[in-house]
N, C-alpha and C. Protein backbone atom coordinates (compact mmCIF):
# COMPACT_ATOMS: atom_id res chain seq x y z
N UNK A 1 4.50 -1.17 -16.68
CA UNK A 1 3.58 -0.75 -15.64
C UNK A 1 3.65 -1.75 -14.49
N UNK A 2 3.57 -1.26 -13.29
CA UNK A 2 3.64 -2.08 -12.09
C UNK A 2 2.27 -2.65 -11.77
N UNK A 3 2.20 -3.95 -11.57
CA UNK A 3 0.93 -4.58 -11.20
C UNK A 3 1.03 -5.06 -9.76
N UNK A 4 0.00 -4.80 -9.00
CA UNK A 4 -0.04 -5.22 -7.62
C UNK A 4 -0.89 -6.48 -7.51
N UNK A 5 -0.43 -7.40 -6.71
CA UNK A 5 -1.19 -8.61 -6.47
C UNK A 5 -1.38 -8.77 -4.98
N UNK A 6 -2.16 -9.75 -4.61
CA UNK A 6 -2.38 -9.99 -3.19
C UNK A 6 -1.10 -10.47 -2.50
N UNK A 7 -0.11 -10.93 -3.25
CA UNK A 7 1.14 -11.39 -2.66
C UNK A 7 2.18 -10.29 -2.56
N UNK A 8 1.88 -9.10 -3.04
CA UNK A 8 2.86 -8.03 -3.07
C UNK A 8 3.50 -7.73 -1.72
N UNK A 9 2.76 -7.70 -0.58
CA UNK A 9 3.44 -7.41 0.68
C UNK A 9 4.50 -8.46 1.01
N UNK A 10 4.24 -9.70 0.66
CA UNK A 10 5.21 -10.75 0.93
C UNK A 10 6.42 -10.62 0.03
N UNK A 11 6.21 -10.20 -1.21
CA UNK A 11 7.32 -10.00 -2.13
C UNK A 11 8.20 -8.86 -1.64
N UNK A 12 7.56 -7.77 -1.20
CA UNK A 12 8.32 -6.63 -0.67
C UNK A 12 9.11 -7.07 0.55
N UNK A 13 8.47 -7.81 1.44
CA UNK A 13 9.15 -8.30 2.63
C UNK A 13 10.33 -9.19 2.25
N UNK A 14 10.14 -10.06 1.26
CA UNK A 14 11.21 -10.94 0.82
C UNK A 14 12.36 -10.14 0.23
N UNK A 15 12.06 -9.16 -0.60
CA UNK A 15 13.12 -8.36 -1.22
C UNK A 15 13.88 -7.56 -0.18
N UNK A 16 13.16 -7.01 0.81
CA UNK A 16 13.85 -6.25 1.85
C UNK A 16 14.75 -7.17 2.67
N UNK A 17 14.28 -8.38 2.96
CA UNK A 17 15.10 -9.30 3.75
C UNK A 17 16.25 -9.84 2.92
N UNK A 18 16.09 -9.91 1.61
CA UNK A 18 17.20 -10.34 0.75
C UNK A 18 18.35 -9.34 0.87
N UNK A 19 18.03 -8.05 0.87
CA UNK A 19 19.05 -7.02 0.93
C UNK A 19 19.75 -6.98 2.29
N UNK A 20 19.05 -7.38 3.34
CA UNK A 20 19.64 -7.33 4.67
C UNK A 20 20.07 -8.70 5.16
N UNK A 21 19.99 -9.70 4.32
CA UNK A 21 20.36 -11.09 4.59
C UNK A 21 19.70 -11.64 5.86
N UNK A 22 18.41 -11.34 6.03
CA UNK A 22 17.61 -11.92 7.11
C UNK A 22 16.72 -12.97 6.48
N UNK A 23 16.74 -14.20 6.98
CA UNK A 23 15.89 -15.22 6.35
C UNK A 23 14.41 -14.94 6.59
N UNK A 24 13.60 -15.25 5.60
CA UNK A 24 12.15 -15.06 5.72
C UNK A 24 11.56 -16.35 6.26
N UNK A 25 10.75 -16.23 7.31
CA UNK A 25 10.02 -17.40 7.78
C UNK A 25 8.58 -16.98 8.02
N UNK A 26 7.73 -17.94 8.29
CA UNK A 26 6.31 -17.64 8.41
C UNK A 26 5.99 -16.72 9.58
N UNK A 27 6.80 -16.72 10.62
CA UNK A 27 6.52 -15.84 11.75
C UNK A 27 6.74 -14.38 11.39
N UNK A 28 7.50 -14.11 10.31
CA UNK A 28 7.75 -12.73 9.90
C UNK A 28 6.67 -12.18 8.98
N UNK A 29 5.77 -13.04 8.51
CA UNK A 29 4.74 -12.57 7.60
C UNK A 29 3.73 -11.71 8.34
N UNK A 30 3.25 -10.65 7.70
CA UNK A 30 2.31 -9.76 8.37
C UNK A 30 0.99 -10.45 8.67
N UNK A 31 0.35 -10.10 9.78
CA UNK A 31 -0.96 -10.67 10.10
C UNK A 31 -2.00 -10.28 9.06
N UNK A 32 -3.13 -10.99 9.07
CA UNK A 32 -4.17 -10.75 8.07
C UNK A 32 -4.70 -9.32 8.13
N UNK A 33 -4.75 -8.72 9.32
CA UNK A 33 -5.24 -7.34 9.44
C UNK A 33 -4.36 -6.40 8.62
N UNK A 34 -3.05 -6.63 8.66
CA UNK A 34 -2.14 -5.78 7.90
C UNK A 34 -2.28 -6.02 6.40
N UNK A 35 -2.57 -7.26 6.01
CA UNK A 35 -2.83 -7.51 4.59
C UNK A 35 -4.10 -6.80 4.16
N UNK A 36 -5.07 -6.68 5.07
CA UNK A 36 -6.28 -5.93 4.75
C UNK A 36 -5.97 -4.46 4.56
N UNK A 37 -5.05 -3.91 5.37
CA UNK A 37 -4.62 -2.52 5.19
C UNK A 37 -4.00 -2.35 3.81
N UNK A 38 -3.16 -3.31 3.45
CA UNK A 38 -2.50 -3.24 2.16
C UNK A 38 -3.50 -3.32 1.01
N UNK A 39 -4.46 -4.23 1.12
CA UNK A 39 -5.47 -4.34 0.06
C UNK A 39 -6.35 -3.09 0.02
N UNK A 40 -6.61 -2.48 1.18
CA UNK A 40 -7.36 -1.23 1.21
C UNK A 40 -6.56 -0.13 0.51
N UNK A 41 -5.25 -0.10 0.74
CA UNK A 41 -4.39 0.88 0.07
C UNK A 41 -4.44 0.68 -1.44
N UNK A 42 -4.39 -0.56 -1.90
CA UNK A 42 -4.47 -0.82 -3.34
C UNK A 42 -5.81 -0.36 -3.91
N UNK A 43 -6.87 -0.55 -3.15
CA UNK A 43 -8.20 -0.12 -3.58
C UNK A 43 -8.27 1.40 -3.68
N UNK A 44 -7.69 2.10 -2.72
CA UNK A 44 -7.68 3.57 -2.75
C UNK A 44 -6.88 4.07 -3.94
N UNK A 45 -5.74 3.43 -4.21
CA UNK A 45 -4.92 3.84 -5.36
C UNK A 45 -5.69 3.63 -6.66
N UNK A 46 -6.42 2.54 -6.74
CA UNK A 46 -7.23 2.27 -7.93
C UNK A 46 -8.30 3.35 -8.11
N UNK A 47 -8.95 3.74 -7.02
CA UNK A 47 -9.95 4.81 -7.09
C UNK A 47 -9.32 6.13 -7.51
N UNK A 48 -8.12 6.39 -7.03
CA UNK A 48 -7.43 7.62 -7.41
C UNK A 48 -7.18 7.66 -8.91
N UNK A 49 -6.83 6.52 -9.48
CA UNK A 49 -6.58 6.45 -10.91
C UNK A 49 -7.79 6.82 -11.73
N UNK A 50 -8.97 6.48 -11.23
CA UNK A 50 -10.20 6.81 -11.95
C UNK A 50 -10.54 8.29 -11.87
N UNK A 51 -10.03 8.99 -10.86
CA UNK A 51 -10.36 10.40 -10.68
C UNK A 51 -9.37 11.35 -11.32
N UNK A 52 -8.25 10.86 -11.81
CA UNK A 52 -7.23 11.75 -12.35
C UNK A 52 -7.70 12.45 -13.62
N UNK A 53 -8.20 11.69 -14.58
CA UNK A 53 -8.62 12.29 -15.85
C UNK A 53 -9.75 13.31 -15.66
N UNK A 54 -10.82 12.99 -14.90
CA UNK A 54 -11.86 14.00 -14.68
C UNK A 54 -11.34 15.24 -13.95
N UNK A 55 -10.33 15.07 -13.11
CA UNK A 55 -9.75 16.22 -12.41
C UNK A 55 -9.08 17.16 -13.41
N UNK A 56 -8.40 16.60 -14.40
CA UNK A 56 -7.80 17.43 -15.44
C UNK A 56 -8.86 18.18 -16.24
N UNK A 57 -10.06 17.62 -16.31
CA UNK A 57 -11.17 18.28 -17.02
C UNK A 57 -11.93 19.23 -16.10
N UNK A 58 -11.33 19.59 -14.97
CA UNK A 58 -11.90 20.54 -14.00
C UNK A 58 -13.19 20.06 -13.35
N UNK A 59 -13.31 18.77 -13.13
CA UNK A 59 -14.45 18.23 -12.40
C UNK A 59 -14.16 18.39 -10.91
N UNK A 60 -14.92 19.26 -10.26
CA UNK A 60 -14.65 19.59 -8.85
C UNK A 60 -14.91 18.40 -7.93
N UNK A 61 -15.93 17.61 -8.22
CA UNK A 61 -16.21 16.44 -7.38
C UNK A 61 -15.06 15.44 -7.45
N UNK A 62 -14.55 15.21 -8.65
CA UNK A 62 -13.43 14.28 -8.80
C UNK A 62 -12.19 14.82 -8.10
N UNK A 63 -11.98 16.12 -8.16
CA UNK A 63 -10.83 16.72 -7.48
C UNK A 63 -10.93 16.54 -5.97
N UNK A 64 -12.11 16.72 -5.43
CA UNK A 64 -12.31 16.54 -3.99
C UNK A 64 -12.12 15.08 -3.58
N UNK A 65 -12.64 14.15 -4.39
CA UNK A 65 -12.43 12.73 -4.11
C UNK A 65 -10.95 12.38 -4.16
N UNK A 66 -10.25 12.96 -5.14
CA UNK A 66 -8.82 12.70 -5.28
C UNK A 66 -8.06 13.21 -4.06
N UNK A 67 -8.40 14.40 -3.58
CA UNK A 67 -7.76 14.94 -2.37
C UNK A 67 -8.00 14.03 -1.17
N UNK A 68 -9.25 13.59 -1.02
CA UNK A 68 -9.60 12.70 0.09
C UNK A 68 -8.84 11.38 -0.01
N UNK A 69 -8.77 10.83 -1.21
CA UNK A 69 -8.07 9.56 -1.40
C UNK A 69 -6.56 9.70 -1.20
N UNK A 70 -6.00 10.83 -1.58
CA UNK A 70 -4.57 11.06 -1.34
C UNK A 70 -4.30 11.09 0.16
N UNK A 71 -5.16 11.77 0.89
CA UNK A 71 -5.01 11.83 2.35
C UNK A 71 -5.11 10.43 2.96
N UNK A 72 -6.10 9.66 2.52
CA UNK A 72 -6.29 8.30 3.02
C UNK A 72 -5.09 7.42 2.67
N UNK A 73 -4.61 7.55 1.44
CA UNK A 73 -3.47 6.74 0.99
C UNK A 73 -2.22 7.05 1.80
N UNK A 74 -2.00 8.32 2.12
CA UNK A 74 -0.82 8.69 2.91
C UNK A 74 -0.86 8.03 4.28
N UNK A 75 -2.04 8.02 4.89
CA UNK A 75 -2.19 7.38 6.20
C UNK A 75 -1.93 5.88 6.10
N UNK A 76 -2.52 5.25 5.08
CA UNK A 76 -2.34 3.81 4.91
C UNK A 76 -0.89 3.44 4.61
N UNK A 77 -0.22 4.24 3.80
CA UNK A 77 1.19 3.98 3.49
C UNK A 77 2.01 4.06 4.77
N UNK A 78 1.75 5.08 5.57
CA UNK A 78 2.46 5.24 6.84
C UNK A 78 2.26 4.01 7.73
N UNK A 79 1.01 3.53 7.82
CA UNK A 79 0.72 2.36 8.64
C UNK A 79 1.40 1.11 8.10
N UNK A 80 1.38 0.94 6.78
CA UNK A 80 2.00 -0.24 6.17
C UNK A 80 3.52 -0.22 6.38
N UNK A 81 4.13 0.94 6.23
CA UNK A 81 5.58 1.04 6.41
C UNK A 81 5.96 0.78 7.86
N UNK A 82 5.20 1.34 8.80
CA UNK A 82 5.52 1.11 10.21
C UNK A 82 5.35 -0.37 10.57
N UNK A 83 4.33 -1.02 10.00
CA UNK A 83 4.14 -2.44 10.26
C UNK A 83 5.29 -3.25 9.67
N UNK A 84 5.73 -2.89 8.48
CA UNK A 84 6.85 -3.59 7.86
C UNK A 84 8.12 -3.42 8.68
N UNK A 85 8.35 -2.21 9.20
CA UNK A 85 9.52 -1.97 10.05
C UNK A 85 9.43 -2.79 11.33
N UNK A 86 8.23 -2.88 11.89
CA UNK A 86 8.03 -3.67 13.11
C UNK A 86 8.33 -5.14 12.84
N UNK A 87 7.87 -5.64 11.70
CA UNK A 87 8.10 -7.04 11.34
C UNK A 87 9.59 -7.29 11.10
N UNK A 88 10.26 -6.33 10.50
CA UNK A 88 11.69 -6.49 10.21
C UNK A 88 12.51 -6.56 11.50
N UNK A 89 12.08 -5.86 12.55
CA UNK A 89 12.80 -5.87 13.81
C UNK A 89 12.58 -7.16 14.59
N UNK A 90 11.46 -7.82 14.32
CA UNK A 90 11.13 -9.05 15.08
C UNK A 90 12.01 -10.21 14.72
């Protein structure tokens, strides 16, 4: 199972730069606001995990929360990926 930590964005950045042979330095690290986006994404994913089982049991409230969280997660993933691409170009 994959575990996310507060250092995960930096690990992803390091792995991506390893593949493209770009050295990692402190200026390439995402600003704190972007780390907050990432931690918010992790929080939304955690909430989604709690709603999956009740959704299978036909709980309509859980299904609606899951839909809302999926929508929110998609937006956050898009923002995190665009920020990572911006950092990679810098």
